[in-house]
Structures are given as C-alpha cells and as structure tokens.
PDB file of all heavy atoms in Angstrom:
ATOM      1  N   PHE A   1      23.435  -7.509   9.442  1.00  0.00           N
ATOM      2  CA  PHE A   1      22.723  -7.724   8.186  1.00  0.00           C
ATOM      3  C   PHE A   1      22.947  -9.130   7.649  1.00  0.00           C
ATOM      4  O   PHE A   1      22.016  -9.785   7.179  1.00  0.00           O
ATOM      5  CB  PHE A   1      23.162  -6.688   7.147  1.00  0.00           C
ATOM      6  CG  PHE A   1      22.672  -5.300   7.431  1.00  0.00           C
ATOM      7  CD1 PHE A   1      23.418  -4.439   8.217  1.00  0.00           C
ATOM      8  CD2 PHE A   1      21.464  -4.865   6.942  1.00  0.00           C
ATOM      9  CE1 PHE A   1      22.968  -3.161   8.496  1.00  0.00           C
ATOM     10  CE2 PHE A   1      20.994  -3.591   7.206  1.00  0.00           C
ATOM     11  CZ  PHE A   1      21.753  -2.732   7.988  1.00  0.00           C
ATOM     12  N   TRP A   2      24.181  -9.630   7.726  1.00  0.00           N
ATOM     13  CA  TRP A   2      24.520 -10.907   7.110  1.00  0.00           C
ATOM     14  C   TRP A   2      24.169 -12.100   7.989  1.00  0.00           C
ATOM     15  O   TRP A   2      23.757 -13.141   7.498  1.00  0.00           O
ATOM     16  CB  TRP A   2      26.005 -10.942   6.774  1.00  0.00           C
ATOM     17  CG  TRP A   2      26.349 -10.033   5.645  1.00  0.00           C
ATOM     18  CD1 TRP A   2      26.797  -8.740   5.729  1.00  0.00           C
ATOM     19  CD2 TRP A   2      26.245 -10.317   4.253  1.00  0.00           C
ATOM     20  NE1 TRP A   2      26.970  -8.217   4.477  1.00  0.00           N
ATOM     21  CE2 TRP A   2      26.644  -9.165   3.551  1.00  0.00           C
ATOM     22  CE3 TRP A   2      25.855 -11.452   3.534  1.00  0.00           C
ATOM     23  CZ2 TRP A   2      26.661  -9.110   2.161  1.00  0.00           C
ATOM     24  CZ3 TRP A   2      25.873 -11.397   2.151  1.00  0.00           C
ATOM     25  CH2 TRP A   2      26.277 -10.238   1.483  1.00  0.00           C
ATOM     26  N   GLN A   3      24.340 -11.950   9.286  1.00  0.00           N
ATOM     27  CA  GLN A   3      24.217 -13.117  10.164  1.00  0.00           C
ATOM     28  C   GLN A   3      23.059 -13.016  11.149  1.00  0.00           C
ATOM     29  O   GLN A   3      22.509 -14.026  11.554  1.00  0.00           O
ATOM     30  CB  GLN A   3      25.525 -13.317  10.936  1.00  0.00           C
ATOM     31  CG  GLN A   3      25.597 -14.625  11.701  1.00  0.00           C
ATOM     32  CD  GLN A   3      26.986 -14.920  12.207  1.00  0.00           C
ATOM     33  OE1 GLN A   3      27.961 -14.453  11.655  1.00  0.00           O
ATOM     34  NE2 GLN A   3      27.085 -15.681  13.271  1.00  0.00           N
ATOM     35  N   LEU A   4      22.673 -11.801  11.544  1.00  0.00           N
ATOM     36  CA  LEU A   4      21.705 -11.631  12.620  1.00  0.00           C
ATOM     37  C   LEU A   4      20.420 -10.960  12.158  1.00  0.00           C
ATOM     38  O   LEU A   4      19.696 -10.380  12.962  1.00  0.00           O
ATOM     39  CB  LEU A   4      22.351 -10.854  13.774  1.00  0.00           C
ATOM     40  CG  LEU A   4      23.564 -11.572  14.388  1.00  0.00           C
ATOM     41  CD1 LEU A   4      24.260 -10.681  15.402  1.00  0.00           C
ATOM     42  CD2 LEU A   4      23.154 -12.887  15.036  1.00  0.00           C
ATOM     43  N   GLN A   5      20.158 -11.001  10.854  1.00  0.00           N
ATOM     44  CA  GLN A   5      18.849 -10.635  10.297  1.00  0.00           C
ATOM     45  C   GLN A   5      18.454  -9.197  10.641  1.00  0.00           C
ATOM     46  O   GLN A   5      17.371  -8.928  11.144  1.00  0.00           O
ATOM     47  CB  GLN A   5      17.779 -11.611  10.800  1.00  0.00           C
ATOM     48  CG  GLN A   5      18.167 -13.073  10.618  1.00  0.00           C
ATOM     49  CD  GLN A   5      17.618 -13.970  11.710  1.00  0.00           C
ATOM     50  OE1 GLN A   5      17.513 -13.559  12.862  1.00  0.00           O
ATOM     51  NE2 GLN A   5      17.274 -15.191  11.367  1.00  0.00           N
ATOM     52  N   GLY A   6      19.349  -8.268  10.321  1.00  0.00           N
ATOM     53  CA  GLY A   6      19.144  -6.886  10.726  1.00  0.00           C
ATOM     54  C   GLY A   6      18.209  -6.077   9.862  1.00  0.00           C
ATOM     55  O   GLY A   6      17.599  -5.112  10.329  1.00  0.00           O
ATOM     56  N   SER A   7      18.069  -6.419   8.584  1.00  0.00           N
ATOM     57  CA  SER A   7      17.343  -5.522   7.686  1.00  0.00           C
ATOM     58  C   SER A   7      15.860  -5.383   7.967  1.00  0.00           C
ATOM     59  O   SER A   7      15.274  -4.340   7.622  1.00  0.00           O
ATOM     60  CB  SER A   7      17.557  -5.953   6.229  1.00  0.00           C
ATOM     61  OG  SER A   7      16.959  -7.207   5.952  1.00  0.00           O
ATOM     62  N   PRO A   8      15.145  -6.360   8.570  1.00  0.00           N
ATOM     63  CA  PRO A   8      13.710  -6.156   8.800  1.00  0.00           C
ATOM     64  C   PRO A   8      13.351  -4.970   9.691  1.00  0.00           C
ATOM     65  O   PRO A   8      12.195  -4.563   9.702  1.00  0.00           O
ATOM     66  CB  PRO A   8      13.274  -7.483   9.436  1.00  0.00           C
ATOM     67  CG  PRO A   8      14.192  -8.494   8.823  1.00  0.00           C
ATOM     68  CD  PRO A   8      15.516  -7.782   8.776  1.00  0.00           C
ATOM     69  N   VAL A   9      14.299  -4.413  10.428  1.00  0.00           N
ATOM     70  CA  VAL A   9      13.998  -3.186  11.179  1.00  0.00           C
ATOM     71  C   VAL A   9      13.906  -1.981  10.247  1.00  0.00           C
ATOM     72  O   VAL A   9      13.366  -0.940  10.612  1.00  0.00           O
ATOM     73  CB  VAL A   9      15.056  -2.940  12.277  1.00  0.00           C
ATOM     74  CG1 VAL A   9      16.382  -2.465  11.681  1.00  0.00           C
ATOM     75  CG2 VAL A   9      14.560  -1.909  13.294  1.00  0.00           C
ATOM     76  N   LEU A  10      14.397  -2.144   9.003  1.00  0.00           N
ATOM     77  CA  LEU A  10      14.433  -1.042   8.053  1.00  0.00           C
ATOM     78  C   LEU A  10      13.398  -1.146   6.951  1.00  0.00           C
ATOM     79  O   LEU A  10      13.067  -0.140   6.318  1.00  0.00           O
ATOM     80  CB  LEU A  10      15.829  -0.956   7.409  1.00  0.00           C
ATOM     81  CG  LEU A  10      17.017  -0.768   8.354  1.00  0.00           C
ATOM     82  CD1 LEU A  10      18.324  -0.796   7.565  1.00  0.00           C
ATOM     83  CD2 LEU A  10      16.883   0.535   9.129  1.00  0.00           C
ATOM     84  N   THR A  11      12.890  -2.359   6.683  1.00  0.00           N
ATOM     85  CA  THR A  11      12.002  -2.555   5.530  1.00  0.00           C
ATOM     86  C   THR A  11      10.756  -3.337   5.913  1.00  0.00           C
ATOM     87  O   THR A  11      10.681  -3.942   6.990  1.00  0.00           O
ATOM     88  CB  THR A  11      12.718  -3.319   4.402  1.00  0.00           C
ATOM     89  OG1 THR A  11      12.769  -4.724   4.725  1.00  0.00           O
ATOM     90  CG2 THR A  11      14.132  -2.818   4.179  1.00  0.00           C
ATOM     91  N   ASP A  12       9.810  -3.351   4.985  1.00  0.00           N
ATOM     92  CA  ASP A  12       8.651  -4.226   5.154  1.00  0.00           C
ATOM     93  C   ASP A  12       9.085  -5.681   5.002  1.00  0.00           C
ATOM     94  O   ASP A  12      10.227  -5.972   4.635  1.00  0.00           O
ATOM     95  CB  ASP A  12       7.551  -3.858   4.162  1.00  0.00           C
ATOM     96  CG  ASP A  12       7.930  -4.180   2.723  1.00  0.00           C
ATOM     97  OD1 ASP A  12       9.134  -4.141   2.394  1.00  0.00           O
ATOM     98  OD2 ASP A  12       7.032  -4.475   1.921  1.00  0.00           O
ATOM     99  N   ALA A  13       8.166  -6.593   5.281  1.00  0.00           N
ATOM    100  CA  ALA A  13       8.505  -8.017   5.315  1.00  0.00           C
ATOM    101  C   ALA A  13       8.998  -8.547   3.982  1.00  0.00           C
ATOM    102  O   ALA A  13       9.781  -9.500   3.938  1.00  0.00           O
ATOM    103  CB  ALA A  13       7.297  -8.828   5.783  1.00  0.00           C
ATOM    104  N   ASP A  14       8.568  -7.937   2.879  1.00  0.00           N
ATOM    105  CA  ASP A  14       8.956  -8.405   1.550  1.00  0.00           C
ATOM    106  C   ASP A  14      10.163  -7.675   0.978  1.00  0.00           C
ATOM    107  O   ASP A  14      10.617  -8.004  -0.119  1.00  0.00           O
ATOM    108  CB  ASP A  14       7.771  -8.266   0.594  1.00  0.00           C
ATOM    109  CG  ASP A  14       6.607  -9.155   0.992  1.00  0.00           C
ATOM    110  OD1 ASP A  14       6.853 -10.346   1.271  1.00  0.00           O
ATOM    111  OD2 ASP A  14       5.469  -8.667   1.041  1.00  0.00           O
ATOM    112  N   GLY A  15      10.678  -6.693   1.703  1.00  0.00           N
ATOM    113  CA  GLY A  15      11.842  -5.971   1.225  1.00  0.00           C
ATOM    114  C   GLY A  15      11.558  -5.043   0.056  1.00  0.00           C
ATOM    115  O   GLY A  15      12.441  -4.792  -0.758  1.00  0.00           O
ATOM    116  N   PHE A  16      10.351  -4.499  -0.008  1.00  0.00           N
ATOM    117  CA  PHE A  16       9.979  -3.600  -1.100  1.00  0.00           C
ATOM    118  C   PHE A  16       9.979  -2.135  -0.690  1.00  0.00           C
ATOM    119  O   PHE A  16      10.161  -1.246  -1.518  1.00  0.00           O
ATOM    120  CB  PHE A  16       8.581  -3.951  -1.631  1.00  0.00           C
ATOM    121  CG  PHE A  16       8.496  -5.291  -2.303  1.00  0.00           C
ATOM    122  CD1 PHE A  16       7.315  -6.019  -2.270  1.00  0.00           C
ATOM    123  CD2 PHE A  16       9.593  -5.840  -2.966  1.00  0.00           C
ATOM    124  CE1 PHE A  16       7.225  -7.257  -2.883  1.00  0.00           C
ATOM    125  CE2 PHE A  16       9.514  -7.078  -3.579  1.00  0.00           C
ATOM    126  CZ  PHE A  16       8.330  -7.792  -3.535  1.00  0.00           C
ATOM    127  N   THR A  17       9.760  -1.866   0.611  1.00  0.00           N
ATOM    128  CA  THR A  17       9.545  -0.499   1.068  1.00  0.00           C
ATOM    129  C   THR A  17      10.352  -0.220   2.324  1.00  0.00           C
ATOM    130  O   THR A  17      10.418  -1.056   3.233  1.00  0.00           O
ATOM    131  CB  THR A  17       8.049  -0.273   1.378  1.00  0.00           C
ATOM    132  OG1 THR A  17       7.269  -0.633   0.236  1.00  0.00           O
ATOM    133  CG2 THR A  17       7.776   1.180   1.749  1.00  0.00           C
ATOM    134  N   ASP A  18      10.942   0.977   2.384  1.00  0.00           N
ATOM    135  CA  ASP A  18      11.624   1.423   3.593  1.00  0.00           C
ATOM    136  C   ASP A  18      10.590   1.787   4.658  1.00  0.00           C
ATOM    137  O   ASP A  18       9.566   2.409   4.361  1.00  0.00           O
ATOM    138  CB  ASP A  18      12.483   2.658   3.310  1.00  0.00           C
ATOM    139  CG  ASP A  18      13.598   2.382   2.312  1.00  0.00           C
ATOM    140  OD1 ASP A  18      14.335   1.412   2.521  1.00  0.00           O
ATOM    141  OD2 ASP A  18      13.723   3.150   1.332  1.00  0.00           O
ATOM    142  N   LEU A  19      10.851   1.406   5.901  1.00  0.00           N
ATOM    143  CA  LEU A  19       9.968   1.766   7.007  1.00  0.00           C
ATOM    144  C   LEU A  19      10.284   3.169   7.510  1.00  0.00           C
ATOM    145  O   LEU A  19      11.451   3.591   7.522  1.00  0.00           O
ATOM    146  CB  LEU A  19      10.121   0.773   8.161  1.00  0.00           C
ATOM    147  CG  LEU A  19       9.717  -0.677   7.898  1.00  0.00           C
ATOM    148  CD1 LEU A  19       9.920  -1.509   9.166  1.00  0.00           C
ATOM    149  CD2 LEU A  19       8.278  -0.773   7.424  1.00  0.00           C
ATOM    150  N   VAL A  20       9.259   3.876   7.938  1.00  0.00           N
ATOM    151  CA  VAL A  20       9.432   5.181   8.583  1.00  0.00           C
ATOM    152  C   VAL A  20       9.648   4.930  10.069  1.00  0.00           C
ATOM    153  O   VAL A  20       8.862   4.219  10.708  1.00  0.00           O
ATOM    154  CB  VAL A  20       8.196   6.075   8.354  1.00  0.00           C
ATOM    155  CG1 VAL A  20       8.353   7.391   9.100  1.00  0.00           C
ATOM    156  CG2 VAL A  20       7.988   6.324   6.861  1.00  0.00           C
ATOM    157  N   GLN A  21      10.707   5.506  10.624  1.00  0.00           N
ATOM    158  CA  GLN A  21      11.059   5.257  12.021  1.00  0.00           C
ATOM    159  C   GLN A  21      10.400   6.285  12.935  1.00  0.00           C
ATOM    160  O   GLN A  21      10.123   7.414  12.527  1.00  0.00           O
ATOM    161  CB  GLN A  21      12.579   5.290  12.193  1.00  0.00           C
ATOM    162  CG  GLN A  21      13.320   4.317  11.302  1.00  0.00           C
ATOM    163  CD  GLN A  21      12.907   2.859  11.499  1.00  0.00           C
ATOM    164  OE1 GLN A  21      12.456   2.476  12.586  1.00  0.00           O
ATOM    165  NE2 GLN A  21      13.055   2.041  10.456  1.00  0.00           N
ATOM    166  N   PRO A  22      10.136   5.921  14.190  1.00  0.00           N
ATOM    167  CA  PRO A  22       9.533   6.864  15.137  1.00  0.00           C
ATOM    168  C   PRO A  22      10.419   8.091  15.360  1.00  0.00           C
ATOM    169  O   PRO A  22      11.651   8.022  15.221  1.00  0.00           O
ATOM    170  CB  PRO A  22       9.408   6.038  16.422  1.00  0.00           C
ATOM    171  CG  PRO A  22       9.456   4.615  15.989  1.00  0.00           C
ATOM    172  CD  PRO A  22      10.339   4.585  14.781  1.00  0.00           C
ATOM    173  N   ASP A  23       9.794   9.200  15.745  1.00  0.00           N
ATOM    174  CA  ASP A  23      10.536  10.444  15.956  1.00  0.00           C
ATOM    175  C   ASP A  23      11.524  10.341  17.110  1.00  0.00           C
ATOM    176  O   ASP A  23      12.532  11.058  17.131  1.00  0.00           O
ATOM    177  CB  ASP A  23       9.564  11.592  16.229  1.00  0.00           C
ATOM    178  CG  ASP A  23       8.728  11.964  15.012  1.00  0.00           C
ATOM    179  OD1 ASP A  23       9.141  11.620  13.881  1.00  0.00           O
ATOM    180  OD2 ASP A  23       7.660  12.578  15.193  1.00  0.00           O
ATOM    181  N   ASN A  24      11.244   9.472  18.077  1.00  0.00           N
ATOM    182  CA  ASN A  24      12.126   9.347  19.239  1.00  0.00           C
ATOM    183  C   ASN A  24      13.245   8.330  19.017  1.00  0.00           C
ATOM    184  O   ASN A  24      13.942   7.979  19.969  1.00  0.00           O
ATOM    185  CB  ASN A  24      11.327   8.940  20.479  1.00  0.00           C
ATOM    186  CG  ASN A  24      10.752   7.537  20.363  1.00  0.00           C
ATOM    187  OD1 ASN A  24      10.100   7.200  19.375  1.00  0.00           O
ATOM    188  ND2 ASN A  24      10.998   6.703  21.368  1.00  0.00           N
ATOM    189  N   ALA A  25      13.434   7.888  17.776  1.00  0.00           N
ATOM    190  CA  ALA A  25      14.421   6.839  17.499  1.00  0.00           C
ATOM    191  C   ALA A  25      15.380   7.258  16.395  1.00  0.00           C
ATOM    192  O   ALA A  25      15.017   8.004  15.474  1.00  0.00           O
ATOM    193  CB  ALA A  25      13.724   5.543  17.106  1.00  0.00           C
ATOM    194  N   ARG A  26      16.597   6.760  16.511  1.00  0.00           N
ATOM    195  CA  ARG A  26      17.598   6.874  15.458  1.00  0.00           C
ATOM    196  C   ARG A  26      18.227   5.497  15.260  1.00  0.00           C
ATOM    197  O   ARG A  26      18.446   4.753  16.228  1.00  0.00           O
ATOM    198  CB  ARG A  26      18.709   7.873  15.817  1.00  0.00           C
ATOM    199  CG  ARG A  26      18.238   9.300  16.057  1.00  0.00           C
ATOM    200  CD  ARG A  26      17.816   9.987  14.773  1.00  0.00           C
ATOM    201  NE  ARG A  26      17.559  11.401  14.996  1.00  0.00           N
ATOM    202  CZ  ARG A  26      16.402  11.907  15.420  1.00  0.00           C
ATOM    203  NH1 ARG A  26      15.389  11.087  15.689  1.00  0.00           N
ATOM    204  NH2 ARG A  26      16.257  13.204  15.598  1.00  0.00           N
ATOM    205  N   ILE A  27      18.532   5.174  14.009  1.00  0.00           N
ATOM    206  CA  ILE A  27      19.218   3.922  13.694  1.00  0.00           C
ATOM    207  C   ILE A  27      20.509   4.276  12.957  1.00  0.00           C
ATOM    208  O   ILE A  27      20.492   5.056  11.995  1.00  0.00           O
ATOM    209  CB  ILE A  27      18.354   2.993  12.830  1.00  0.00           C
ATOM    210  CG1 ILE A  27      17.017   2.717  13.522  1.00  0.00           C
ATOM    211  CG2 ILE A  27      19.082   1.674  12.568  1.00  0.00           C
ATOM    212  CD1 ILE A  27      16.072   1.841  12.722  1.00  0.00           C
ATOM    213  N   TYR A  28      21.606   3.702  13.410  1.00  0.00           N
ATOM    214  CA  TYR A  28      22.915   3.993  12.825  1.00  0.00           C
ATOM    215  C   TYR A  28      23.582   2.687  12.375  1.00  0.00           C
ATOM    216  O   TYR A  28      23.740   1.758  13.169  1.00  0.00           O
ATOM    217  CB  TYR A  28      23.810   4.703  13.838  1.00  0.00           C
ATOM    218  CG  TYR A  28      23.255   6.032  14.305  1.00  0.00           C
ATOM    219  CD1 TYR A  28      22.752   6.172  15.604  1.00  0.00           C
ATOM    220  CD2 TYR A  28      23.217   7.143  13.466  1.00  0.00           C
ATOM    221  CE1 TYR A  28      22.244   7.382  16.049  1.00  0.00           C
ATOM    222  CE2 TYR A  28      22.704   8.359  13.902  1.00  0.00           C
ATOM    223  CZ  TYR A  28      22.221   8.474  15.194  1.00  0.00           C
ATOM    224  OH  TYR A  28      21.709   9.681  15.627  1.00  0.00           O
ATOM    225  N   TYR A  29      23.947   2.666  11.115  1.00  0.00           N
ATOM    226  CA  TYR A  29      24.684   1.531  10.549  1.00  0.00           C
ATOM    227  C   TYR A  29      26.154   1.896  10.490  1.00  0.00           C
ATOM    228  O   TYR A  29      26.542   2.897   9.888  1.00  0.00           O
ATOM    229  CB  TYR A  29      24.141   1.212   9.157  1.00  0.00           C
ATOM    230  CG  TYR A  29      25.064   0.431   8.251  1.00  0.00           C
ATOM    231  CD1 TYR A  29      25.646  -0.769   8.655  1.00  0.00           C
ATOM    232  CD2 TYR A  29      25.345   0.887   6.955  1.00  0.00           C
ATOM    233  CE1 TYR A  29      26.485  -1.475   7.823  1.00  0.00           C
ATOM    234  CE2 TYR A  29      26.173   0.189   6.113  1.00  0.00           C
ATOM    235  CZ  TYR A  29      26.760  -0.991   6.544  1.00  0.00           C
ATOM    236  OH  TYR A  29      27.596  -1.685   5.701  1.00  0.00           O
ATOM    237  N   TYR A  30      26.994   1.092  11.140  1.00  0.00           N
ATOM    238  CA  TYR A  30      28.440   1.296  11.146  1.00  0.00           C
ATOM    239  C   TYR A  30      29.013   0.588   9.917  1.00  0.00           C
ATOM    240  O   TYR A  30      29.201  -0.632   9.921  1.00  0.00           O
ATOM    241  CB  TYR A  30      29.065   0.722  12.418  1.00  0.00           C
ATOM    242  CG  TYR A  30      28.307   1.013  13.702  1.00  0.00           C
ATOM    243  CD1 TYR A  30      27.940  -0.035  14.566  1.00  0.00           C
ATOM    244  CD2 TYR A  30      27.946   2.306  14.072  1.00  0.00           C
ATOM    245  CE1 TYR A  30      27.269   0.203  15.757  1.00  0.00           C
ATOM    246  CE2 TYR A  30      27.268   2.554  15.255  1.00  0.00           C
ATOM    247  CZ  TYR A  30      26.929   1.493  16.094  1.00  0.00           C
ATOM    248  OH  TYR A  30      26.251   1.736  17.270  1.00  0.00           O
ATOM    249  N   ALA A  31      29.286   1.338   8.887  1.00  0.00           N
ATOM    250  CA  ALA A  31      29.585   0.775   7.573  1.00  0.00           C
ATOM    251  C   ALA A  31      30.805  -0.137   7.591  1.00  0.00           C
ATOM    252  O   ALA A  31      31.845   0.180   8.176  1.00  0.00           O
ATOM    253  CB  ALA A  31      29.806   1.901   6.567  1.00  0.00           C
ATOM    254  N   SER A  32      30.659  -1.282   6.925  1.00  0.00           N
ATOM    255  CA  SER A  32      31.755  -2.229   6.667  1.00  0.00           C
ATOM    256  C   SER A  32      32.431  -2.726   7.932  1.00  0.00           C
ATOM    257  O   SER A  32      33.637  -2.972   7.949  1.00  0.00           O
ATOM    258  CB  SER A  32      32.796  -1.600   5.728  1.00  0.00           C
ATOM    259  OG  SER A  32      32.244  -1.380   4.449  1.00  0.00           O
ATOM    260  N   THR A  33      31.660  -2.902   8.996  1.00  0.00           N
ATOM    261  CA  THR A  33      32.225  -3.402  10.247  1.00  0.00           C
ATOM    262  C   THR A  33      31.685  -4.789  10.565  1.00  0.00           C
ATOM    263  O   THR A  33      30.636  -5.195  10.085  1.00  0.00           O
ATOM    264  CB  THR A  33      31.868  -2.472  11.426  1.00  0.00           C
ATOM    265  OG1 THR A  33      30.447  -2.372  11.534  1.00  0.00           O
ATOM    266  CG2 THR A  33      32.468  -1.093  11.235  1.00  0.00           C
ATOM    267  N   GLN A  34      32.431  -5.501  11.409  1.00  0.00           N
ATOM    268  CA  GLN A  34      31.953  -6.749  11.978  1.00  0.00           C
ATOM    269  C   GLN A  34      31.347  -6.467  13.346  1.00  0.00           C
ATOM    270  O   GLN A  34      31.268  -5.312  13.779  1.00  0.00           O
ATOM    271  CB  GLN A  34      33.081  -7.764  12.076  1.00  0.00           C
ATOM    272  CG  GLN A  34      34.189  -7.352  13.037  1.00  0.00           C
ATOM    273  CD  GLN A  34      35.317  -8.364  13.117  1.00  0.00           C
ATOM    274  OE1 GLN A  34      35.437  -9.266  12.307  1.00  0.00           O
ATOM    275  NE2 GLN A  34      36.184  -8.216  14.112  1.00  0.00           N
ATOM    276  N   HIS A  35      30.940  -7.507  14.056  1.00  0.00           N
ATOM    277  CA  HIS A  35      30.147  -7.389  15.282  1.00  0.00           C
ATOM    278  C   HIS A  35      30.906  -6.744  16.438  1.00  0.00           C
ATOM    279  O   HIS A  35      30.297  -6.254  17.387  1.00  0.00           O
ATOM    280  CB  HIS A  35      29.671  -8.783  15.681  1.00  0.00           C
ATOM    281  CG  HIS A  35      28.587  -8.800  16.700  1.00  0.00           C
ATOM    282  ND1 HIS A  35      27.326  -8.293  16.478  1.00  0.00           N
ATOM    283  CD2 HIS A  35      28.557  -9.283  17.981  1.00  0.00           C
ATOM    284  CE1 HIS A  35      26.570  -8.460  17.549  1.00  0.00           C
ATOM    285  NE2 HIS A  35      27.295  -9.059  18.476  1.00  0.00           N
ATOM    286  N   GLY A  36      32.201  -6.756  16.398  1.00  0.00           N
ATOM    287  CA  GLY A  36      33.006  -6.157  17.456  1.00  0.00           C
ATOM    288  C   GLY A  36      34.479  -6.286  17.136  1.00  0.00           C
ATOM    289  O   GLY A  36      34.865  -6.882  16.135  1.00  0.00           O
ATOM    290  N   GLY A  37      35.312  -5.716  17.987  1.00  0.00           N
ATOM    291  CA  GLY A  37      36.750  -5.821  17.775  1.00  0.00           C
ATOM    292  C   GLY A  37      37.422  -4.460  17.753  1.00  0.00           C
ATOM    293  O   GLY A  37      36.777  -3.416  17.611  1.00  0.00           O
ATOM    294  N   ALA A  38      38.745  -4.500  17.881  1.00  0.00           N
ATOM    295  CA  ALA A  38      39.524  -3.265  17.997  1.00  0.00           C
ATOM    296  C   ALA A  38      39.746  -2.565  16.675  1.00  0.00           C
ATOM    297  O   ALA A  38      40.016  -1.367  16.630  1.00  0.00           O
ATOM    298  CB  ALA A  38      40.876  -3.580  18.647  1.00  0.00           C
ATOM    299  N   GLY A  39      39.633  -3.301  15.565  1.00  0.00           N
ATOM    300  CA  GLY A  39      39.947  -2.719  14.273  1.00  0.00           C
ATOM    301  C   GLY A  39      41.452  -2.564  14.092  1.00  0.00           C
ATOM    302  O   GLY A  39      42.262  -2.941  14.947  1.00  0.00           O
ATOM    303  N   GLY A  40      41.849  -2.015  12.930  1.00  0.00           N
ATOM    304  CA  GLY A  40      43.273  -1.855  12.633  1.00  0.00           C
ATOM    305  C   GLY A  40      43.866  -3.128  12.057  1.00  0.00           C
ATOM    306  O   GLY A  40      43.359  -4.235  12.289  1.00  0.00           O
TER     307      GLY A  40
END
C-alpha cells in the first residue's frame, strides 16, 4: 500500500468506490506487515 501502489486493485481510480472482485478470486491483506521477513 505504501510503496508498491497496492490500493488500485481494491478501488476505482479516484478512490471513491470499492471494486467488486471476481468470484474466482480472493484478496488477503496481511495487517501491519512489511514486504517480508521472519518477524519477532
């Protein structure tokens, strides 16, 4: 979201409306995480 422009997969171009996703797709946001790493 912060560095790699992730939100346009979820909203319209102006950021006013949530997009409806296809039935064969799921999108999962891993809350409060960075791009990779072991954590801890």
